Amino acid sequence: RRRDQNPDLGVALWNAYGVMTILYQEIIAIYPLLNP
């Protein structure tokens, strides 16, 4: 919701320890729900 507030939030997310891994986990976790 707040993603437009900080132009460097993308850099902060990328560089923060473990945060990108969490985003990847969130994505991969729903693979089993795709088919069926």
All heavy atoms as atom14 arrays in JSON, in Angstrom:
{
  "sequence": "RRRDQNPDLGVALWNAYGVMTILYQEIIAIYPLLNP",
  "atom14_mask": [
    [1, 1, 1, 1, 1, 1, 1, 1, 1, 1, 1, 0, 0, 0],
    [1, 1, 1, 1, 1, 1, 1, 1, 1, 1, 1, 0, 0, 0],
    [1, 1, 1, 1, 1, 1, 1, 1, 1, 1, 1, 0, 0, 0],
    [1, 1, 1, 1, 1, 1, 1, 1, 0, 0, 0, 0, 0, 0],
    [1, 1, 1, 1, 1, 1, 1, 1, 1, 0, 0, 0, 0, 0],
    [1, 1, 1, 1, 1, 1, 1, 1, 0, 0, 0, 0, 0, 0],
    [1, 1, 1, 1, 1, 1, 1, 0, 0, 0, 0, 0, 0, 0],
    [1, 1, 1, 1, 1, 1, 1, 1, 0, 0, 0, 0, 0, 0],
    [1, 1, 1, 1, 1, 1, 1, 1, 0, 0, 0, 0, 0, 0],
    [1, 1, 1, 1, 0, 0, 0, 0, 0, 0, 0, 0, 0, 0],
    [1, 1, 1, 1, 1, 1, 1, 0, 0, 0, 0, 0, 0, 0],
    [1, 1, 1, 1, 1, 0, 0, 0, 0, 0, 0, 0, 0, 0],
    [1, 1, 1, 1, 1, 1, 1, 1, 0, 0, 0, 0, 0, 0],
    [1, 1, 1, 1, 1, 1, 1, 1, 1, 1, 1, 1, 1, 1],
    [1, 1, 1, 1, 1, 1, 1, 1, 0, 0, 0, 0, 0, 0],
    [1, 1, 1, 1, 1, 0, 0, 0, 0, 0, 0, 0, 0, 0],
    [1, 1, 1, 1, 1, 1, 1, 1, 1, 1, 1, 1, 0, 0],
    [1, 1, 1, 1, 0, 0, 0, 0, 0, 0, 0, 0, 0, 0],
    [1, 1, 1, 1, 1, 1, 1, 0, 0, 0, 0, 0, 0, 0],
    [1, 1, 1, 1, 1, 1, 1, 1, 0, 0, 0, 0, 0, 0],
    [1, 1, 1, 1, 1, 1, 1, 0, 0, 0, 0, 0, 0, 0],
    [1, 1, 1, 1, 1, 1, 1, 1, 0, 0, 0, 0, 0, 0],
    [1, 1, 1, 1, 1, 1, 1, 1, 0, 0, 0, 0, 0, 0],
    [1, 1, 1, 1, 1, 1, 1, 1, 1, 1, 1, 1, 0, 0],
    [1, 1, 1, 1, 1, 1, 1, 1, 1, 0, 0, 0, 0, 0],
    [1, 1, 1, 1, 1, 1, 1, 1, 1, 0, 0, 0, 0, 0],
    [1, 1, 1, 1, 1, 1, 1, 1, 0, 0, 0, 0, 0, 0],
    [1, 1, 1, 1, 1, 1, 1, 1, 0, 0, 0, 0, 0, 0],
    [1, 1, 1, 1, 1, 0, 0, 0, 0, 0, 0, 0, 0, 0],
    [1, 1, 1, 1, 1, 1, 1, 1, 0, 0, 0, 0, 0, 0],
    [1, 1, 1, 1, 1, 1, 1, 1, 1, 1, 1, 1, 0, 0],
    [1, 1, 1, 1, 1, 1, 1, 0, 0, 0, 0, 0, 0, 0],
    [1, 1, 1, 1, 1, 1, 1, 1, 0, 0, 0, 0, 0, 0],
    [1, 1, 1, 1, 1, 1, 1, 1, 0, 0, 0, 0, 0, 0],
    [1, 1, 1, 1, 1, 1, 1, 1, 0, 0, 0, 0, 0, 0],
    [1, 1, 1, 1, 1, 1, 1, 0, 0, 0, 0, 0, 0, 0]
  ],
  "atom14_positions": [
    [[0.83, -1.2, 0.0], [0.0, 0.0, 0.0], [0.87, 1.26, 0.0], [0.52, 2.28, -0.6], [-0.92, 0.0, 1.22], [-1.98, 1.09, 1.22], [-2.86, 1.02, 2.44], [-2.14, 1.39, 3.65], [-1.91, 2.66, 4.03], [-2.32, 3.67, 3.28], [-1.28, 2.91, 5.16], [0.0, 0.0, 0.0], [0.0, 0.0, 0.0], [0.0, 0.0, 0.0]],
    [[2.02, 1.2, 0.67], [2.88, 2.37, 0.81], [4.01, 2.42, -0.23], [4.94, 3.22, -0.09], [3.52, 2.38, 2.21], [2.55, 2.48, 3.36], [3.34, 2.62, 4.64], [2.48, 2.67, 5.82], [2.88, 3.14, 6.99], [4.11, 3.6, 7.13], [2.06, 3.14, 8.02], [0.0, 0.0, 0.0], [0.0, 0.0, 0.0], [0.0, 0.0, 0.0]],
    [[3.93, 1.58, -1.24], [5.1, 1.41, -2.11], [5.47, 2.67, -2.9], [6.58, 2.78, -3.41], [4.9, 0.24, -3.08], [3.74, 0.36, -4.05], [3.56, -0.97, -4.79], [2.5, -0.92, -5.77], [1.22, -1.18, -5.5], [0.86, -1.49, -4.25], [0.31, -1.13, -6.45], [0.0, 0.0, 0.0], [0.0, 0.0, 0.0], [0.0, 0.0, 0.0]],
    [[4.55, 3.62, -3.01], [4.86, 4.85, -3.74], [5.49, 5.92, -2.84], [5.87, 6.99, -3.32], [3.61, 5.42, -4.4], [3.06, 4.52, -5.49], [3.88, 3.82, -6.12], [1.84, 4.51, -5.71], [0.0, 0.0, 0.0], [0.0, 0.0, 0.0], [0.0, 0.0, 0.0], [0.0, 0.0, 0.0], [0.0, 0.0, 0.0], [0.0, 0.0, 0.0]],
    [[5.61, 5.63, -1.55], [6.11, 6.66, -0.62], [7.62, 6.81, -0.67], [8.15, 7.86, -0.31], [5.68, 6.31, 0.82], [4.2, 6.47, 1.08], [3.85, 6.2, 2.54], [4.74, 6.0, 3.37], [2.57, 6.21, 2.84], [0.0, 0.0, 0.0], [0.0, 0.0, 0.0], [0.0, 0.0, 0.0], [0.0, 0.0, 0.0], [0.0, 0.0, 0.0]],
    [[8.31, 5.76, -1.05], [9.77, 5.79, -1.01], [10.35, 5.28, -2.32], [10.2, 4.1, -2.64], [10.27, 4.93, 0.15], [11.77, 5.05, 0.38], [12.53, 5.28, -0.56], [12.19, 4.89, 1.62], [0.0, 0.0, 0.0], [0.0, 0.0, 0.0], [0.0, 0.0, 0.0], [0.0, 0.0, 0.0], [0.0, 0.0, 0.0], [0.0, 0.0, 0.0]],
    [[11.01, 6.13, -3.11], [11.51, 5.71, -4.42], [12.61, 4.65, -4.33], [12.9, 3.98, -5.32], [12.04, 7.01, -5.04], [12.36, 7.89, -3.86], [11.35, 7.54, -2.81], [0.0, 0.0, 0.0], [0.0, 0.0, 0.0], [0.0, 0.0, 0.0], [0.0, 0.0, 0.0], [0.0, 0.0, 0.0], [0.0, 0.0, 0.0], [0.0, 0.0, 0.0]],
    [[13.22, 4.52, -3.16], [14.31, 3.56, -3.0], [13.89, 2.32, -2.22], [14.74, 1.53, -1.78], [15.51, 4.22, -2.3], [16.17, 5.26, -3.19], [16.2, 5.05, -4.42], [16.65, 6.28, -2.67], [0.0, 0.0, 0.0], [0.0, 0.0, 0.0], [0.0, 0.0, 0.0], [0.0, 0.0, 0.0], [0.0, 0.0, 0.0], [0.0, 0.0, 0.0]],
    [[12.6, 2.12, -2.06], [12.14, 0.95, -1.31], [12.58, -0.34, -2.01], [12.93, -1.33, -1.35], [10.62, 0.99, -1.14], [9.99, -0.18, -0.36], [10.62, -0.34, 1.01], [8.47, 0.0, -0.23], [0.0, 0.0, 0.0], [0.0, 0.0, 0.0], [0.0, 0.0, 0.0], [0.0, 0.0, 0.0], [0.0, 0.0, 0.0], [0.0, 0.0, 0.0]],
    [[12.56, -0.35, -3.35], [13.0, -1.54, -4.09], [14.44, -1.91, -3.76], [14.77, -3.09, -3.58], [0.0, 0.0, 0.0], [0.0, 0.0, 0.0], [0.0, 0.0, 0.0], [0.0, 0.0, 0.0], [0.0, 0.0, 0.0], [0.0, 0.0, 0.0], [0.0, 0.0, 0.0], [0.0, 0.0, 0.0], [0.0, 0.0, 0.0], [0.0, 0.0, 0.0]],
    [[15.31, -0.9, -3.65], [16.72, -1.14, -3.3], [16.82, -1.67, -1.88], [17.59, -2.6, -1.59], [17.55, 0.16, -3.44], [19.0, -0.08, -3.05], [17.48, 0.67, -4.87], [0.0, 0.0, 0.0], [0.0, 0.0, 0.0], [0.0, 0.0, 0.0], [0.0, 0.0, 0.0], [0.0, 0.0, 0.0], [0.0, 0.0, 0.0], [0.0, 0.0, 0.0]],
    [[16.04, -1.08, -0.97], [16.07, -1.52, 0.42], [15.59, -2.97, 0.54], [16.18, -3.76, 1.29], [15.18, -0.6, 1.26], [0.0, 0.0, 0.0], [0.0, 0.0, 0.0], [0.0, 0.0, 0.0], [0.0, 0.0, 0.0], [0.0, 0.0, 0.0], [0.0, 0.0, 0.0], [0.0, 0.0, 0.0], [0.0, 0.0, 0.0], [0.0, 0.0, 0.0]],
    [[14.56, -3.32, -0.18], [14.06, -4.7, -0.16], [15.12, -5.67, -0.67], [15.33, -6.75, -0.11], [12.8, -4.82, -1.02], [11.54, -4.12, -0.52], [10.48, -4.07, -1.62], [10.97, -4.82, 0.71], [0.0, 0.0, 0.0], [0.0, 0.0, 0.0], [0.0, 0.0, 0.0], [0.0, 0.0, 0.0], [0.0, 0.0, 0.0], [0.0, 0.0, 0.0]],
    [[15.79, -5.28, -1.77], [16.8, -6.15, -2.37], [18.0, -6.37, -1.44], [18.52, -7.47, -1.33], [17.27, -5.56, -3.69], [18.3, -6.4, -4.39], [19.65, -6.22, -4.37], [18.06, -7.56, -5.18], [20.29, -7.2, -5.11], [19.32, -8.04, -5.62], [16.91, -8.25, -5.56], [19.46, -9.16, -6.42], [17.04, -9.38, -6.37], [18.3, -9.83, -6.78]],
    [[18.41, -5.3, -0.74], [19.62, -5.36, 0.07], [19.4, -5.83, 1.51], [20.34, -6.21, 2.18], [20.3, -3.98, 0.1], [20.91, -3.62, -1.24], [21.44, -4.47, -1.95], [20.83, -2.35, -1.62], [0.0, 0.0, 0.0], [0.0, 0.0, 0.0], [0.0, 0.0, 0.0], [0.0, 0.0, 0.0], [0.0, 0.0, 0.0], [0.0, 0.0, 0.0]],
    [[18.15, -5.79, 1.97], [17.87, -6.21, 3.35], [18.02, -7.73, 3.47], [17.43, -8.48, 2.7], [16.46, -5.77, 3.75], [0.0, 0.0, 0.0], [0.0, 0.0, 0.0], [0.0, 0.0, 0.0], [0.0, 0.0, 0.0], [0.0, 0.0, 0.0], [0.0, 0.0, 0.0], [0.0, 0.0, 0.0], [0.0, 0.0, 0.0], [0.0, 0.0, 0.0]],
    [[18.78, -8.15, 4.45], [19.07, -9.57, 4.63], [17.79, -10.39, 4.78], [16.96, -10.11, 5.65], [19.95, -9.77, 5.86], [20.25, -11.21, 6.16], [21.23, -11.89, 5.45], [19.52, -11.91, 7.12], [21.5, -13.22, 5.7], [19.78, -13.24, 7.38], [20.78, -13.9, 6.67], [21.03, -15.22, 6.91], [0.0, 0.0, 0.0], [0.0, 0.0, 0.0]],
    [[17.61, -11.36, 3.89], [16.52, -12.31, 4.02], [15.18, -11.9, 3.44], [14.29, -12.74, 3.28], [0.0, 0.0, 0.0], [0.0, 0.0, 0.0], [0.0, 0.0, 0.0], [0.0, 0.0, 0.0], [0.0, 0.0, 0.0], [0.0, 0.0, 0.0], [0.0, 0.0, 0.0], [0.0, 0.0, 0.0], [0.0, 0.0, 0.0], [0.0, 0.0, 0.0]],
    [[15.02, -10.61, 3.11], [13.7, -10.13, 2.66], [13.32, -10.71, 1.3], [12.18, -11.17, 1.1], [13.66, -8.59, 2.62], [12.43, -8.09, 1.87], [13.65, -8.03, 4.04], [0.0, 0.0, 0.0], [0.0, 0.0, 0.0], [0.0, 0.0, 0.0], [0.0, 0.0, 0.0], [0.0, 0.0, 0.0], [0.0, 0.0, 0.0], [0.0, 0.0, 0.0]],
    [[14.25, -10.74, 0.35], [13.93, -11.29, -0.96], [13.62, -12.78, -0.87], [12.72, -13.28, -1.56], [15.08, -11.05, -1.94], [15.3, -9.58, -2.31], [13.84, -8.75, -2.99], [13.6, -9.67, -4.51], [0.0, 0.0, 0.0], [0.0, 0.0, 0.0], [0.0, 0.0, 0.0], [0.0, 0.0, 0.0], [0.0, 0.0, 0.0], [0.0, 0.0, 0.0]],
    [[14.31, -13.48, 0.01], [14.02, -14.91, 0.21], [12.58, -15.1, 0.69], [11.89, -16.03, 0.26], [15.01, -15.52, 1.23], [16.33, -15.36, 0.73], [14.72, -16.99, 1.46], [0.0, 0.0, 0.0], [0.0, 0.0, 0.0], [0.0, 0.0, 0.0], [0.0, 0.0, 0.0], [0.0, 0.0, 0.0], [0.0, 0.0, 0.0], [0.0, 0.0, 0.0]],
    [[12.13, -14.2, 1.56], [10.74, -14.27, 2.04], [9.77, -14.06, 0.88], [8.77, -14.79, 0.75], [10.51, -13.22, 3.15], [11.23, -13.66, 4.42], [9.01, -13.02, 3.41], [11.26, -12.6, 5.5], [0.0, 0.0, 0.0], [0.0, 0.0, 0.0], [0.0, 0.0, 0.0], [0.0, 0.0, 0.0], [0.0, 0.0, 0.0], [0.0, 0.0, 0.0]],
    [[10.06, -13.09, 0.02], [9.17, -12.84, -1.13], [9.15, -14.06, -2.06], [8.09, -14.45, -2.56], [9.62, -11.6, -1.9], [9.55, -10.26, -1.15], [9.96, -9.11, -2.06], [8.16, -10.02, -0.57], [0.0, 0.0, 0.0], [0.0, 0.0, 0.0], [0.0, 0.0, 0.0], [0.0, 0.0, 0.0], [0.0, 0.0, 0.0], [0.0, 0.0, 0.0]],
    [[10.32, -14.67, -2.28], [10.37, -15.88, -3.13], [9.54, -17.0, -2.5], [8.81, -17.72, -3.19], [11.81, -16.36, -3.32], [12.76, -15.36, -3.91], [14.12, -15.43, -3.65], [12.31, -14.31, -4.73], [15.02, -14.51, -4.18], [13.19, -13.4, -5.26], [14.55, -13.49, -4.98], [15.43, -12.58, -5.51], [0.0, 0.0, 0.0], [0.0, 0.0, 0.0]],
    [[9.66, -17.16, -1.18], [8.91, -18.21, -0.49], [7.4, -17.99, -0.63], [6.64, -18.95, -0.82], [9.3, -18.24, 0.99], [10.68, -18.8, 1.26], [11.12, -18.63, 2.7], [10.52, -17.87, 3.46], [12.18, -19.34, 3.08], [0.0, 0.0, 0.0], [0.0, 0.0, 0.0], [0.0, 0.0, 0.0], [0.0, 0.0, 0.0], [0.0, 0.0, 0.0]],
    [[6.98, -16.73, -0.51], [5.56, -16.41, -0.66], [5.06, -16.81, -2.05], [3.94, -17.3, -2.21], [5.34, -14.91, -0.44], [5.48, -14.46, 0.99], [4.33, -14.93, 1.86], [3.16, -14.74, 1.48], [4.6, -15.52, 2.92], [0.0, 0.0, 0.0], [0.0, 0.0, 0.0], [0.0, 0.0, 0.0], [0.0, 0.0, 0.0], [0.0, 0.0, 0.0]],
    [[5.89, -16.59, -3.07], [5.52, -16.91, -4.45], [5.45, -18.43, -4.66], [4.46, -18.97, -5.15], [6.52, -16.26, -5.43], [6.33, -14.74, -5.43], [6.38, -16.84, -6.83], [7.46, -13.97, -6.1], [0.0, 0.0, 0.0], [0.0, 0.0, 0.0], [0.0, 0.0, 0.0], [0.0, 0.0, 0.0], [0.0, 0.0, 0.0], [0.0, 0.0, 0.0]],
    [[6.49, -19.11, -4.25], [6.6, -20.55, -4.48], [5.56, -21.33, -3.69], [5.07, -22.37, -4.14], [8.03, -21.02, -4.14], [9.04, -20.43, -5.13], [8.13, -22.54, -4.15], [10.48, -20.57, -4.71], [0.0, 0.0, 0.0], [0.0, 0.0, 0.0], [0.0, 0.0, 0.0], [0.0, 0.0, 0.0], [0.0, 0.0, 0.0], [0.0, 0.0, 0.0]],
    [[5.17, -20.79, -2.53], [4.25, -21.51, -1.65], [2.9, -21.8, -2.28], [2.22, -22.76, -1.9], [4.06, -20.71, -0.35], [0.0, 0.0, 0.0], [0.0, 0.0, 0.0], [0.0, 0.0, 0.0], [0.0, 0.0, 0.0], [0.0, 0.0, 0.0], [0.0, 0.0, 0.0], [0.0, 0.0, 0.0], [0.0, 0.0, 0.0], [0.0, 0.0, 0.0]],
    [[2.51, -20.98, -3.28], [1.17, -21.21, -3.84], [1.21, -22.05, -5.13], [0.15, -22.3, -5.72], [0.41, -19.89, -4.09], [1.03, -19.09, -5.24], [0.32, -19.06, -2.83], [0.08, -18.06, -5.8], [0.0, 0.0, 0.0], [0.0, 0.0, 0.0], [0.0, 0.0, 0.0], [0.0, 0.0, 0.0], [0.0, 0.0, 0.0], [0.0, 0.0, 0.0]],
    [[2.37, -22.51, -5.55], [2.43, -23.36, -6.74], [1.46, -24.54, -6.66], [0.78, -24.85, -7.65], [3.85, -23.88, -6.97], [4.84, -22.88, -7.53], [6.17, -23.23, -7.71], [4.47, -21.59, -7.89], [7.1, -22.33, -8.22], [5.38, -20.68, -8.4], [6.71, -21.06, -8.57], [7.61, -20.18, -9.08], [0.0, 0.0, 0.0], [0.0, 0.0, 0.0]],
    [[1.37, -25.23, -5.52], [0.45, -26.39, -5.45], [-1.02, -26.03, -5.64], [-1.85, -26.9, -5.9], [0.7, -26.96, -4.05], [2.05, -26.46, -3.66], [2.16, -25.11, -4.28], [0.0, 0.0, 0.0], [0.0, 0.0, 0.0], [0.0, 0.0, 0.0], [0.0, 0.0, 0.0], [0.0, 0.0, 0.0], [0.0, 0.0, 0.0], [0.0, 0.0, 0.0]],
    [[-1.35, -24.74, -5.5], [-2.75, -24.31, -5.62], [-3.13, -23.94, -7.05], [-4.28, -23.6, -7.32], [-3.01, -23.1, -4.71], [-2.66, -23.28, -3.23], [-2.94, -22.0, -2.46], [-3.45, -24.44, -2.63], [0.0, 0.0, 0.0], [0.0, 0.0, 0.0], [0.0, 0.0, 0.0], [0.0, 0.0, 0.0], [0.0, 0.0, 0.0], [0.0, 0.0, 0.0]],
    [[-2.15, -24.01, -7.96], [-2.41, -23.58, -9.33], [-3.1, -24.65, -10.15], [-3.96, -24.36, -10.98], [-1.09, -23.16, -9.99], [-0.32, -22.02, -9.31], [0.97, -21.73, -10.07], [-1.18, -20.76, -9.21], [0.0, 0.0, 0.0], [0.0, 0.0, 0.0], [0.0, 0.0, 0.0], [0.0, 0.0, 0.0], [0.0, 0.0, 0.0], [0.0, 0.0, 0.0]],
    [[-2.71, -25.89, -9.95], [-3.27, -26.99, -10.75], [-3.31, -28.28, -9.92], [-2.26, -28.8, -9.56], [-2.41, -27.21, -12.0], [-3.05, -28.17, -12.98], [-4.26, -28.36, -12.96], [-2.23, -28.8, -13.81], [0.0, 0.0, 0.0], [0.0, 0.0, 0.0], [0.0, 0.0, 0.0], [0.0, 0.0, 0.0], [0.0, 0.0, 0.0], [0.0, 0.0, 0.0]],
    [[-4.53, -28.77, -9.61], [-5.84, -28.2, -9.99], [-6.1, -26.89, -9.24], [-5.57, -26.69, -8.15], [-6.84, -29.28, -9.54], [-6.13, -30.02, -8.45], [-4.68, -30.01, -8.81], [0.0, 0.0, 0.0], [0.0, 0.0, 0.0], [0.0, 0.0, 0.0], [0.0, 0.0, 0.0], [0.0, 0.0, 0.0], [0.0, 0.0, 0.0], [0.0, 0.0, 0.0]]
  ]
}
